[in-house]
Amino acid sequence: MTFPWHLYLMAFIYFIAGLNHFRSPRMYQKIIPDYFSNPKLLNVISGIAEIILGIGLVIPMLSVYAAWGIIGLLIAVFPTHIYMYSNPKVRMGLPKWVLLLRMPLQLVLIYWAYQYT
């Protein structure tokens, strides 16, 4: 069975994004809302999840589960987008309109992952 290149692209994106949690941990910890405790641990967990899910997408036995996992992860990290939009200290210099556009982009990413469930 062959997988479309879109699936490999998605797997690559999540794998690299997961690695980036360890390359630039402070950037990710900064955007975790204050009401969550232990941002360091949450960053590690989300980074590991992205790496595992990215790998799982290209393993036929696991790809459906990985796609569902990505959907769950995208829903779980959505509060970071609201937090960045509403808190000027964590915007990373991005204009509000860019941060606002990121929110519906999450729906596009969820739809993309859903294509492989």
PDB file of N, CA and C in Angstrom:
ATOM      1  N   MET A   1       0.839  -1.178   0.000  1.00  0.00           N
ATOM      2  CA  MET A   1       0.000   0.000   0.000  1.00  0.00           C
ATOM      3  C   MET A   1       0.885   1.243   0.000  1.00  0.00           C
ATOM      4  N   THR A   2       0.608   2.167  -0.871  1.00  0.00           N
ATOM      5  CA  THR A   2       1.374   3.403  -0.906  1.00  0.00           C
ATOM      6  C   THR A   2       0.542   4.533  -0.317  1.00  0.00           C
ATOM      7  N   PHE A   3       1.239   5.466   0.289  1.00  0.00           N
ATOM      8  CA  PHE A   3       0.585   6.616   0.886  1.00  0.00           C
ATOM      9  C   PHE A   3       0.817   7.831   0.010  1.00  0.00           C
ATOM     10  N   PRO A   4      -0.157   8.723  -0.052  1.00  0.00           N
ATOM     11  CA  PRO A   4       0.028   9.941  -0.826  1.00  0.00           C
ATOM     12  C   PRO A   4       1.106  10.831  -0.205  1.00  0.00           C
ATOM     13  N   TRP A   5       1.721  11.639  -1.037  1.00  0.00           N
ATOM     14  CA  TRP A   5       2.791  12.523  -0.559  1.00  0.00           C
ATOM     15  C   TRP A   5       2.281  13.484   0.504  1.00  0.00           C
ATOM     16  N   HIS A   6       0.969  13.795   0.476  1.00  0.00           N
ATOM     17  CA  HIS A   6       0.396  14.693   1.490  1.00  0.00           C
ATOM     18  C   HIS A   6       0.578  14.131   2.894  1.00  0.00           C
ATOM     19  N   LEU A   7       0.445  12.815   3.005  1.00  0.00           N
ATOM     20  CA  LEU A   7       0.597  12.176   4.305  1.00  0.00           C
ATOM     21  C   LEU A   7       2.043  12.271   4.780  1.00  0.00           C
ATOM     22  N   TYR A   8       2.976  12.039   3.860  1.00  0.00           N
ATOM     23  CA  TYR A   8       4.389  12.157   4.230  1.00  0.00           C
ATOM     24  C   TYR A   8       4.750  13.588   4.598  1.00  0.00           C
ATOM     25  N   LEU A   9       4.153  14.548   3.905  1.00  0.00           N
ATOM     26  CA  LEU A   9       4.388  15.953   4.232  1.00  0.00           C
ATOM     27  C   LEU A   9       3.867  16.257   5.634  1.00  0.00           C
ATOM     28  N   MET A  10       2.659  15.791   5.931  1.00  0.00           N
ATOM     29  CA  MET A  10       2.110  16.021   7.265  1.00  0.00           C
ATOM     30  C   MET A  10       2.988  15.365   8.324  1.00  0.00           C
ATOM     31  N   ALA A  11       3.415  14.150   8.076  1.00  0.00           N
ATOM     32  CA  ALA A  11       4.274  13.441   9.022  1.00  0.00           C
ATOM     33  C   ALA A  11       5.572  14.215   9.253  1.00  0.00           C
ATOM     34  N   PHE A  12       6.167  14.701   8.194  1.00  0.00           N
ATOM     35  CA  PHE A  12       7.407  15.481   8.296  1.00  0.00           C
ATOM     36  C   PHE A  12       7.197  16.750   9.111  1.00  0.00           C
ATOM     37  N   ILE A  13       6.100  17.456   8.847  1.00  0.00           N
ATOM     38  CA  ILE A  13       5.816  18.707   9.558  1.00  0.00           C
ATOM     39  C   ILE A  13       5.694  18.453  11.055  1.00  0.00           C
ATOM     40  N   TYR A  14       4.945  17.426  11.436  1.00  0.00           N
ATOM     41  CA  TYR A  14       4.770  17.164  12.872  1.00  0.00           C
ATOM     42  C   TYR A  14       6.047  16.650  13.510  1.00  0.00           C
ATOM     43  N   PHE A  15       6.798  15.859  12.793  1.00  0.00           N
ATOM     44  CA  PHE A  15       8.063  15.355  13.318  1.00  0.00           C
ATOM     45  C   PHE A  15       9.025  16.519  13.592  1.00  0.00           C
ATOM     46  N   ILE A  16       9.177  17.400  12.620  1.00  0.00           N
ATOM     47  CA  ILE A  16      10.072  18.557  12.782  1.00  0.00           C
ATOM     48  C   ILE A  16       9.550  19.506  13.859  1.00  0.00           C
ATOM     49  N   ALA A  17       8.243  19.730  13.882  1.00  0.00           N
ATOM     50  CA  ALA A  17       7.668  20.591  14.927  1.00  0.00           C
ATOM     51  C   ALA A  17       7.940  20.003  16.303  1.00  0.00           C
ATOM     52  N   GLY A  18       7.835  18.692  16.431  1.00  0.00           N
ATOM     53  CA  GLY A  18       8.126  18.041  17.707  1.00  0.00           C
ATOM     54  C   GLY A  18       9.570  18.216  18.114  1.00  0.00           C
ATOM     55  N   LEU A  19      10.477  18.051  17.178  1.00  0.00           N
ATOM     56  CA  LEU A  19      11.900  18.265  17.479  1.00  0.00           C
ATOM     57  C   LEU A  19      12.160  19.700  17.915  1.00  0.00           C
ATOM     58  N   ASN A  20      11.435  20.627  17.308  1.00  0.00           N
ATOM     59  CA  ASN A  20      11.638  22.039  17.619  1.00  0.00           C
ATOM     60  C   ASN A  20      11.273  22.371  19.071  1.00  0.00           C
ATOM     61  N   HIS A  21      10.403  21.573  19.674  1.00  0.00           N
ATOM     62  CA  HIS A  21      10.070  21.777  21.086  1.00  0.00           C
ATOM     63  C   HIS A  21      11.308  21.605  21.968  1.00  0.00           C
ATOM     64  N   PHE A  22      12.266  20.816  21.501  1.00  0.00           N
ATOM     65  CA  PHE A  22      13.491  20.572  22.269  1.00  0.00           C
ATOM     66  C   PHE A  22      14.621  21.507  21.839  1.00  0.00           C
ATOM     67  N   ARG A  23      14.540  22.003  20.618  1.00  0.00           N
ATOM     68  CA  ARG A  23      15.538  22.940  20.120  1.00  0.00           C
ATOM     69  C   ARG A  23      15.299  24.341  20.677  1.00  0.00           C
ATOM     70  N   SER A  24      14.028  24.730  20.809  1.00  0.00           N
ATOM     71  CA  SER A  24      13.657  26.069  21.293  1.00  0.00           C
ATOM     72  C   SER A  24      12.590  25.956  22.386  1.00  0.00           C
ATOM     73  N   PRO A  25      12.903  25.300  23.475  1.00  0.00           N
ATOM     74  CA  PRO A  25      11.856  25.055  24.482  1.00  0.00           C
ATOM     75  C   PRO A  25      11.267  26.322  25.092  1.00  0.00           C
ATOM     76  N   ARG A  26      12.080  27.352  25.307  1.00  0.00           N
ATOM     77  CA  ARG A  26      11.554  28.573  25.930  1.00  0.00           C
ATOM     78  C   ARG A  26      10.488  29.247  25.088  1.00  0.00           C
ATOM     79  N   MET A  27      10.628  29.163  23.773  1.00  0.00           N
ATOM     80  CA  MET A  27       9.630  29.761  22.892  1.00  0.00           C
ATOM     81  C   MET A  27       8.270  29.095  23.118  1.00  0.00           C
ATOM     82  N   TYR A  28       8.259  27.784  23.222  1.00  0.00           N
ATOM     83  CA  TYR A  28       7.001  27.061  23.416  1.00  0.00           C
ATOM     84  C   TYR A  28       6.469  27.240  24.838  1.00  0.00           C
ATOM     85  N   GLN A  29       7.352  27.224  25.808  1.00  0.00           N
ATOM     86  CA  GLN A  29       6.918  27.389  27.199  1.00  0.00           C
ATOM     87  C   GLN A  29       6.273  28.756  27.415  1.00  0.00           C
ATOM     88  N   LYS A  30       6.776  29.738  26.710  1.00  0.00           N
ATOM     89  CA  LYS A  30       6.270  31.101  26.851  1.00  0.00           C
ATOM     90  C   LYS A  30       4.809  31.220  26.401  1.00  0.00           C
ATOM     91  N   ILE A  31       4.402  30.429  25.421  1.00  0.00           N
ATOM     92  CA  ILE A  31       3.040  30.557  24.885  1.00  0.00           C
ATOM     93  C   ILE A  31       2.043  29.620  25.565  1.00  0.00           C
ATOM     94  N   ILE A  32       2.486  28.861  26.551  1.00  0.00           N
ATOM     95  CA  ILE A  32       1.555  28.020  27.313  1.00  0.00           C
ATOM     96  C   ILE A  32       0.842  28.923  28.314  1.00  0.00           C
ATOM     97  N   PRO A  33      -0.488  28.927  28.279  1.00  0.00           N
ATOM     98  CA  PRO A  33      -1.235  29.829  29.180  1.00  0.00           C
ATOM     99  C   PRO A  33      -0.851  29.640  30.644  1.00  0.00           C
ATOM    100  N   ASP A  34      -0.908  30.744  31.378  1.00  0.00           N
ATOM    101  CA  ASP A  34      -0.534  30.764  32.792  1.00  0.00           C
ATOM    102  C   ASP A  34      -1.342  29.793  33.645  1.00  0.00           C
ATOM    103  N   TYR A  35      -2.570  29.523  33.244  1.00  0.00           N
ATOM    104  CA  TYR A  35      -3.414  28.662  34.075  1.00  0.00           C
ATOM    105  C   TYR A  35      -3.043  27.183  33.979  1.00  0.00           C
ATOM    106  N   PHE A  36      -2.099  26.840  33.112  1.00  0.00           N
ATOM    107  CA  PHE A  36      -1.560  25.472  33.075  1.00  0.00           C
ATOM    108  C   PHE A  36      -0.301  25.437  33.930  1.00  0.00           C
ATOM    109  N   SER A  37      -0.212  24.443  34.778  1.00  0.00           N
ATOM    110  CA  SER A  37       0.995  24.320  35.591  1.00  0.00           C
ATOM    111  C   SER A  37       2.057  23.541  34.821  1.00  0.00           C
ATOM    112  N   ASN A  38       3.288  23.761  35.192  1.00  0.00           N
ATOM    113  CA  ASN A  38       4.443  23.054  34.655  1.00  0.00           C
ATOM    114  C   ASN A  38       4.579  23.149  33.127  1.00  0.00           C
ATOM    115  N   PRO A  39       4.816  24.344  32.609  1.00  0.00           N
ATOM    116  CA  PRO A  39       4.976  24.510  31.163  1.00  0.00           C
ATOM    117  C   PRO A  39       6.140  23.704  30.582  1.00  0.00           C
ATOM    118  N   LYS A  40       7.187  23.480  31.380  1.00  0.00           N
ATOM    119  CA  LYS A  40       8.311  22.678  30.879  1.00  0.00           C
ATOM    120  C   LYS A  40       7.861  21.261  30.551  1.00  0.00           C
ATOM    121  N   LEU A  41       7.103  20.665  31.447  1.00  0.00           N
ATOM    122  CA  LEU A  41       6.609  19.306  31.232  1.00  0.00           C
ATOM    123  C   LEU A  41       5.628  19.268  30.068  1.00  0.00           C
ATOM    124  N   LEU A  42       4.731  20.243  29.995  1.00  0.00           N
ATOM    125  CA  LEU A  42       3.769  20.281  28.890  1.00  0.00           C
ATOM    126  C   LEU A  42       4.473  20.427  27.549  1.00  0.00           C
ATOM    127  N   ASN A  43       5.540  21.204  27.503  1.00  0.00           N
ATOM    128  CA  ASN A  43       6.313  21.348  26.277  1.00  0.00           C
ATOM    129  C   ASN A  43       6.938  20.013  25.879  1.00  0.00           C
ATOM    130  N   VAL A  44       7.527  19.317  26.841  1.00  0.00           N
ATOM    131  CA  VAL A  44       8.150  18.022  26.557  1.00  0.00           C
ATOM    132  C   VAL A  44       7.101  17.023  26.072  1.00  0.00           C
ATOM    133  N   ILE A  45       5.965  16.969  26.759  1.00  0.00           N
ATOM    134  CA  ILE A  45       4.905  16.029  26.380  1.00  0.00           C
ATOM    135  C   ILE A  45       4.398  16.317  24.970  1.00  0.00           C
ATOM    136  N   SER A  46       4.141  17.582  24.674  1.00  0.00           N
ATOM    137  CA  SER A  46       3.629  17.908  23.343  1.00  0.00           C
ATOM    138  C   SER A  46       4.681  17.678  22.262  1.00  0.00           C
ATOM    139  N   GLY A  47       5.946  17.938  22.575  1.00  0.00           N
ATOM    140  CA  GLY A  47       7.011  17.669  21.599  1.00  0.00           C
ATOM    141  C   GLY A  47       7.138  16.183  21.313  1.00  0.00           C
ATOM    142  N   ILE A  48       7.142  15.369  22.355  1.00  0.00           N
ATOM    143  CA  ILE A  48       7.219  13.911  22.170  1.00  0.00           C
ATOM    144  C   ILE A  48       6.001  13.418  21.408  1.00  0.00           C
ATOM    145  N   ALA A  49       4.820  13.948  21.751  1.00  0.00           N
ATOM    146  CA  ALA A  49       3.598  13.540  21.051  1.00  0.00           C
ATOM    147  C   ALA A  49       3.692  13.851  19.562  1.00  0.00           C
ATOM    148  N   GLU A  50       4.174  15.027  19.210  1.00  0.00           N
ATOM    149  CA  GLU A  50       4.282  15.377  17.789  1.00  0.00           C
ATOM    150  C   GLU A  50       5.265  14.461  17.065  1.00  0.00           C
ATOM    151  N   ILE A  51       6.370  14.142  17.702  1.00  0.00           N
ATOM    152  CA  ILE A  51       7.353  13.246  17.079  1.00  0.00           C
ATOM    153  C   ILE A  51       6.740  11.855  16.870  1.00  0.00           C
ATOM    154  N   ILE A  52       6.128  11.319  17.910  1.00  0.00           N
ATOM    155  CA  ILE A  52       5.542   9.974  17.813  1.00  0.00           C
ATOM    156  C   ILE A  52       4.406   9.942  16.797  1.00  0.00           C
ATOM    157  N   LEU A  53       3.551  10.945  16.831  1.00  0.00           N
ATOM    158  CA  LEU A  53       2.430  10.980  15.891  1.00  0.00           C
ATOM    159  C   LEU A  53       2.913  11.158  14.451  1.00  0.00           C
ATOM    160  N   GLY A  54       3.936  11.983  14.264  1.00  0.00           N
ATOM    161  CA  GLY A  54       4.501  12.146  12.919  1.00  0.00           C
ATOM    162  C   GLY A  54       5.036  10.828  12.381  1.00  0.00           C
ATOM    163  N   ILE A  55       5.743  10.091  13.213  1.00  0.00           N
ATOM    164  CA  ILE A  55       6.255   8.772  12.802  1.00  0.00           C
ATOM    165  C   ILE A  55       5.093   7.814  12.573  1.00  0.00           C
ATOM    166  N   GLY A  56       4.119   7.844  13.484  1.00  0.00           N
ATOM    167  CA  GLY A  56       2.974   6.940  13.371  1.00  0.00           C
ATOM    168  C   GLY A  56       2.181   7.121  12.097  1.00  0.00           C
ATOM    169  N   LEU A  57       2.157   8.332  11.563  1.00  0.00           N
ATOM    170  CA  LEU A  57       1.413   8.571  10.318  1.00  0.00           C
ATOM    171  C   LEU A  57       1.915   7.729   9.158  1.00  0.00           C
ATOM    172  N   VAL A  58       3.197   7.429   9.127  1.00  0.00           N
ATOM    173  CA  VAL A  58       3.750   6.695   7.980  1.00  0.00           C
ATOM    174  C   VAL A  58       3.858   5.193   8.232  1.00  0.00           C
ATOM    175  N   ILE A  59       3.364   4.740   9.370  1.00  0.00           N
ATOM    176  CA  ILE A  59       3.319   3.303   9.657  1.00  0.00           C
ATOM    177  C   ILE A  59       1.883   2.856   9.424  1.00  0.00           C
ATOM    178  N   PRO A  60       1.650   2.053   8.378  1.00  0.00           N
ATOM    179  CA  PRO A  60       0.269   1.710   8.013  1.00  0.00           C
ATOM    180  C   PRO A  60      -0.607   1.221   9.163  1.00  0.00           C
ATOM    181  N   MET A  61      -0.058   0.409  10.053  1.00  0.00           N
ATOM    182  CA  MET A  61      -0.850  -0.104  11.175  1.00  0.00           C
ATOM    183  C   MET A  61      -1.252   0.996  12.158  1.00  0.00           C
ATOM    184  N   LEU A  62      -0.522   2.081  12.159  1.00  0.00           N
ATOM    185  CA  LEU A  62      -0.728   3.137  13.149  1.00  0.00           C
ATOM    186  C   LEU A  62      -1.282   4.434  12.576  1.00  0.00           C
ATOM    187  N   SER A  63      -1.325   4.555  11.273  1.00  0.00           N
ATOM    188  CA  SER A  63      -1.631   5.856  10.671  1.00  0.00           C
ATOM    189  C   SER A  63      -2.995   6.411  11.070  1.00  0.00           C
ATOM    190  N   VAL A  64      -4.002   5.566  11.155  1.00  0.00           N
ATOM    191  CA  VAL A  64      -5.332   6.054  11.544  1.00  0.00           C
ATOM    192  C   VAL A  64      -5.299   6.565  12.983  1.00  0.00           C
ATOM    193  N   TYR A  65      -4.643   5.814  13.870  1.00  0.00           N
ATOM    194  CA  TYR A  65      -4.541   6.238  15.267  1.00  0.00           C
ATOM    195  C   TYR A  65      -3.727   7.525  15.392  1.00  0.00           C
ATOM    196  N   ALA A  66      -2.668   7.626  14.602  1.00  0.00           N
ATOM    197  CA  ALA A  66      -1.840   8.831  14.635  1.00  0.00           C
ATOM    198  C   ALA A  66      -2.630  10.042  14.145  1.00  0.00           C
ATOM    199  N   ALA A  67      -3.431   9.855  13.113  1.00  0.00           N
ATOM    200  CA  ALA A  67      -4.246  10.963  12.609  1.00  0.00           C
ATOM    201  C   ALA A  67      -5.235  11.422  13.682  1.00  0.00           C
ATOM    202  N   TRP A  68      -5.876  10.490  14.367  1.00  0.00           N
ATOM    203  CA  TRP A  68      -6.771  10.859  15.465  1.00  0.00           C
ATOM    204  C   TRP A  68      -5.988  11.542  16.587  1.00  0.00           C
ATOM    205  N   GLY A  69      -4.785  11.057  16.850  1.00  0.00           N
ATOM    206  CA  GLY A  69      -3.944  11.678  17.866  1.00  0.00           C
ATOM    207  C   GLY A  69      -3.607  13.115  17.517  1.00  0.00           C
ATOM    208  N   ILE A  70      -3.334  13.367  16.255  1.00  0.00           N
ATOM    209  CA  ILE A  70      -3.037  14.732  15.809  1.00  0.00           C
ATOM    210  C   ILE A  70      -4.258  15.628  15.984  1.00  0.00           C
ATOM    211  N   ILE A  71      -5.419  15.105  15.659  1.00  0.00           N
ATOM    212  CA  ILE A  71      -6.649  15.883  15.864  1.00  0.00           C
ATOM    213  C   ILE A  71      -6.787  16.242  17.346  1.00  0.00           C
ATOM    214  N   GLY A  72      -6.580  15.265  18.203  1.00  0.00           N
ATOM    215  CA  GLY A  72      -6.655  15.529  19.644  1.00  0.00           C
ATOM    216  C   GLY A  72      -5.617  16.536  20.101  1.00  0.00           C
ATOM    217  N   LEU A  73      -4.416  16.408  19.576  1.00  0.00           N
ATOM    218  CA  LEU A  73      -3.342  17.337  19.941  1.00  0.00           C
ATOM    219  C   LEU A  73      -3.662  18.758  19.488  1.00  0.00           C
ATOM    220  N   LEU A  74      -4.173  18.894  18.284  1.00  0.00           N
ATOM    221  CA  LEU A  74      -4.522  20.227  17.776  1.00  0.00           C
ATOM    222  C   LEU A  74      -5.614  20.877  18.630  1.00  0.00           C
ATOM    223  N   ILE A  75      -6.556  20.076  19.095  1.00  0.00           N
ATOM    224  CA  ILE A  75      -7.596  20.599  19.979  1.00  0.00           C
ATOM    225  C   ILE A  75      -6.986  20.976  21.331  1.00  0.00           C
ATOM    226  N   ALA A  76      -6.098  20.128  21.838  1.00  0.00           N
ATOM    227  CA  ALA A  76      -5.488  20.366  23.152  1.00  0.00           C
ATOM    228  C   ALA A  76      -4.625  21.619  23.186  1.00  0.00           C
ATOM    229  N   VAL A  77      -3.958  21.934  22.087  1.00  0.00           N
ATOM    230  CA  VAL A  77      -3.068  23.105  22.097  1.00  0.00           C
ATOM    231  C   VAL A  77      -3.771  24.386  21.643  1.00  0.00           C
ATOM    232  N   PHE A  78      -5.032  24.297  21.316  1.00  0.00           N
ATOM    233  CA  PHE A  78      -5.754  25.490  20.863  1.00  0.00           C
ATOM    234  C   PHE A  78      -5.721  26.641  21.869  1.00  0.00           C
ATOM    235  N   PRO A  79      -5.772  26.374  23.186  1.00  0.00           N
ATOM    236  CA  PRO A  79      -5.691  27.498  24.130  1.00  0.00           C
ATOM    237  C   PRO A  79      -4.434  28.363  23.953  1.00  0.00           C
ATOM    238  N   THR A  80      -3.363  27.804  23.427  1.00  0.00           N
ATOM    239  CA  THR A  80      -2.167  28.627  23.212  1.00  0.00           C
ATOM    240  C   THR A  80      -2.439  29.726  22.183  1.00  0.00           C
ATOM    241  N   HIS A  81      -3.271  29.439  21.199  1.00  0.00           N
ATOM    242  CA  HIS A  81      -3.577  30.446  20.177  1.00  0.00           C
ATOM    243  C   HIS A  81      -4.400  31.586  20.767  1.00  0.00           C
ATOM    244  N   ILE A  82      -5.351  31.241  21.605  1.00  0.00           N
ATOM    245  CA  ILE A  82      -6.157  32.271  22.265  1.00  0.00           C
ATOM    246  C   ILE A  82      -5.273  33.093  23.206  1.00  0.00           C
ATOM    247  N   TYR A  83      -4.398  32.404  23.934  1.00  0.00           N
ATOM    248  CA  TYR A  83      -3.494  33.073  24.873  1.00  0.00           C
ATOM    249  C   TYR A  83      -2.571  34.044  24.138  1.00  0.00           C
ATOM    250  N   MET A  84      -2.003  33.611  23.026  1.00  0.00           N
ATOM    251  CA  MET A  84      -1.115  34.494  22.258  1.00  0.00           C
ATOM    252  C   MET A  84      -1.883  35.699  21.725  1.00  0.00           C
ATOM    253  N   TYR A  85      -3.096  35.476  21.268  1.00  0.00           N
ATOM    254  CA  TYR A  85      -3.899  36.573  20.723  1.00  0.00           C
ATOM    255  C   TYR A  85      -4.260  37.593  21.796  1.00  0.00           C
ATOM    256  N   SER A  86      -4.553  37.107  22.989  1.00  0.00           N
ATOM    257  CA  SER A  86      -5.049  37.996  24.029  1.00  0.00           C
ATOM    258  C   SER A  86      -3.973  38.567  24.956  1.00  0.00           C
ATOM    259  N   ASN A  87      -2.735  38.079  24.846  1.00  0.00           N
ATOM    260  CA  ASN A  87      -1.678  38.528  25.743  1.00  0.00           C
ATOM    261  C   ASN A  87      -0.512  39.115  24.945  1.00  0.00           C
ATOM    262  N   PRO A  88      -0.366  40.433  24.938  1.00  0.00           N
ATOM    263  CA  PRO A  88       0.701  41.067  24.149  1.00  0.00           C
ATOM    264  C   PRO A  88       2.111  40.604  24.515  1.00  0.00           C
ATOM    265  N   LYS A  89       2.319  40.143  25.740  1.00  0.00           N
ATOM    266  CA  LYS A  89       3.653  39.728  26.179  1.00  0.00           C
ATOM    267  C   LYS A  89       4.133  38.448  25.506  1.00  0.00           C
ATOM    268  N   VAL A  90       3.227  37.662  24.952  1.00  0.00           N
ATOM    269  CA  VAL A  90       3.623  36.368  24.378  1.00  0.00           C
ATOM    270  C   VAL A  90       3.381  36.292  22.866  1.00  0.00           C
ATOM    271  N   ARG A  91       3.181  37.403  22.241  1.00  0.00           N
ATOM    272  CA  ARG A  91       2.858  37.425  20.803  1.00  0.00           C
ATOM    273  C   ARG A  91       4.046  37.190  19.879  1.00  0.00           C
ATOM    274  N   MET A  92       5.235  37.217  20.407  1.00  0.00           N
ATOM    275  CA  MET A  92       6.451  37.013  19.610  1.00  0.00           C
ATOM    276  C   MET A  92       6.553  38.004  18.454  1.00  0.00           C
ATOM    277  N   GLY A  93       6.017  39.208  18.670  1.00  0.00           N
ATOM    278  CA  GLY A  93       6.106  40.239  17.648  1.00  0.00           C
ATOM    279  C   GLY A  93       5.156  40.068  16.481  1.00  0.00           C
ATOM    280  N   LEU A  94       4.275  39.089  16.556  1.00  0.00           N
ATOM    281  CA  LEU A  94       3.333  38.858  15.460  1.00  0.00           C
ATOM    282  C   LEU A  94       2.149  39.809  15.575  1.00  0.00           C
ATOM    283  N   PRO A  95       1.686  40.328  14.439  1.00  0.00           N
ATOM    284  CA  PRO A  95       0.502  41.196  14.495  1.00  0.00           C
ATOM    285  C   PRO A  95      -0.743  40.390  14.888  1.00  0.00           C
ATOM    286  N   LYS A  96      -1.706  41.083  15.490  1.00  0.00           N
ATOM    287  CA  LYS A  96      -2.918  40.398  15.943  1.00  0.00           C
ATOM    288  C   LYS A  96      -3.647  39.699  14.808  1.00  0.00           C
ATOM    289  N   TRP A  97      -3.636  40.263  13.598  1.00  0.00           N
ATOM    290  CA  TRP A  97      -4.365  39.639  12.496  1.00  0.00           C
ATOM    291  C   TRP A  97      -3.756  38.282  12.135  1.00  0.00           C
ATOM    292  N   VAL A  98      -2.437  38.136  12.265  1.00  0.00           N
ATOM    293  CA  VAL A  98      -1.786  36.849  11.996  1.00  0.00           C
ATOM    294  C   VAL A  98      -2.205  35.841  13.065  1.00  0.00           C
ATOM    295  N   LEU A  99      -2.204  36.293  14.310  1.00  0.00           N
ATOM    296  CA  LEU A  99      -2.605  35.412  15.402  1.00  0.00           C
ATOM    297  C   LEU A  99      -4.071  35.008  15.280  1.00  0.00           C
ATOM    298  N   LEU A 100      -4.894  35.912  14.791  1.00  0.00           N
ATOM    299  CA  LEU A 100      -6.307  35.594  14.581  1.00  0.00           C
ATOM    300  C   LEU A 100      -6.474  34.561  13.459  1.00  0.00           C
ATOM    301  N   LEU A 101      -5.695  34.697  12.406  1.00  0.00           N
ATOM    302  CA  LEU A 101      -5.776  33.749  11.290  1.00  0.00           C
ATOM    303  C   LEU A 101      -5.304  32.346  11.678  1.00  0.00           C
ATOM    304  N   ARG A 102      -4.434  32.267  12.670  1.00  0.00           N
ATOM    305  CA  ARG A 102      -3.941  30.960  13.112  1.00  0.00           C
ATOM    306  C   ARG A 102      -5.058  30.091  13.674  1.00  0.00           C
ATOM    307  N   MET A 103      -6.070  30.726  14.238  1.00  0.00           N
ATOM    308  CA  MET A 103      -7.154  29.949  14.862  1.00  0.00           C
ATOM    309  C   MET A 103      -7.947  29.140  13.845  1.00  0.00           C
ATOM    310  N   PRO A 104      -8.453  29.744  12.761  1.00  0.00           N
ATOM    311  CA  PRO A 104      -9.142  28.904  11.769  1.00  0.00           C
ATOM    312  C   PRO A 104      -8.181  27.956  11.036  1.00  0.00           C
ATOM    313  N   LEU A 105      -6.900  28.312  10.997  1.00  0.00           N
ATOM    314  CA  LEU A 105      -5.925  27.395  10.396  1.00  0.00           C
ATOM    315  C   LEU A 105      -5.920  26.058  11.139  1.00  0.00           C
ATOM    316  N   GLN A 106      -6.170  26.103  12.457  1.00  0.00           N
ATOM    317  CA  GLN A 106      -6.253  24.863  13.227  1.00  0.00           C
ATOM    318  C   GLN A 106      -7.340  23.955  12.659  1.00  0.00           C
ATOM    319  N   LEU A 107      -8.455  24.547  12.237  1.00  0.00           N
ATOM    320  CA  LEU A 107      -9.535  23.745  11.644  1.00  0.00           C
ATOM    321  C   LEU A 107      -9.090  23.102  10.339  1.00  0.00           C
ATOM    322  N   VAL A 108      -8.314  23.826   9.559  1.00  0.00           N
ATOM    323  CA  VAL A 108      -7.777  23.271   8.312  1.00  0.00           C
ATOM    324  C   VAL A 108      -6.847  22.100   8.622  1.00  0.00           C
ATOM    325  N   LEU A 109      -6.004  22.256   9.633  1.00  0.00           N
ATOM    326  CA  LEU A 109      -5.089  21.183  10.018  1.00  0.00           C
ATOM    327  C   LEU A 109      -5.849  19.975  10.560  1.00  0.00           C
ATOM    328  N   ILE A 110      -6.914  20.232  11.306  1.00  0.00           N
ATOM    329  CA  ILE A 110      -7.749  19.130  11.797  1.00  0.00           C
ATOM    330  C   ILE A 110      -8.395  18.406  10.624  1.00  0.00           C
ATOM    331  N   TYR A 111      -8.908  19.152   9.672  1.00  0.00           N
ATOM    332  CA  TYR A 111      -9.512  18.537   8.478  1.00  0.00           C
ATOM    333  C   TYR A 111      -8.480  17.713   7.705  1.00  0.00           C
ATOM    334  N   TRP A 112      -7.270  18.239   7.582  1.00  0.00           N
ATOM    335  CA  TRP A 112      -6.210  17.529   6.876  1.00  0.00           C
ATOM    336  C   TRP A 112      -5.936  16.195   7.571  1.00  0.00           C
ATOM    337  N   ALA A 113      -5.799  16.205   8.875  1.00  0.00           N
ATOM    338  CA  ALA A 113      -5.559  14.973   9.605  1.00  0.00           C
ATOM    339  C   ALA A 113      -6.753  14.020   9.480  1.00  0.00           C
ATOM    340  N   TYR A 114      -7.951  14.573   9.502  1.00  0.00           N
ATOM    341  CA  TYR A 114      -9.159  13.740   9.413  1.00  0.00           C
ATOM    342  C   TYR A 114      -9.215  12.952   8.102  1.00  0.00           C
ATOM    343  N   GLN A 115      -8.571  13.457   7.085  1.00  0.00           N
ATOM    344  CA  GLN A 115      -8.551  12.758   5.787  1.00  0.00           C
ATOM    345  C   GLN A 115      -7.902  11.386   5.889  1.00  0.00           C
ATOM    346  N   TYR A 116      -7.139  11.144   6.950  1.00  0.00           N
ATOM    347  CA  TYR A 116      -6.404   9.883   7.102  1.00  0.00           C
ATOM    348  C   TYR A 116      -6.954   9.011   8.221  1.00  0.00           C
ATOM    349  N   THR A 117      -8.177   9.326   8.687  1.00  0.00           N
ATOM    350  CA  THR A 117      -8.790   8.505   9.750  1.00  0.00           C
ATOM    351  C   THR A 117      -9.646   7.410   9.145  1.00  0.00           C
TER     352      THR A 117
END
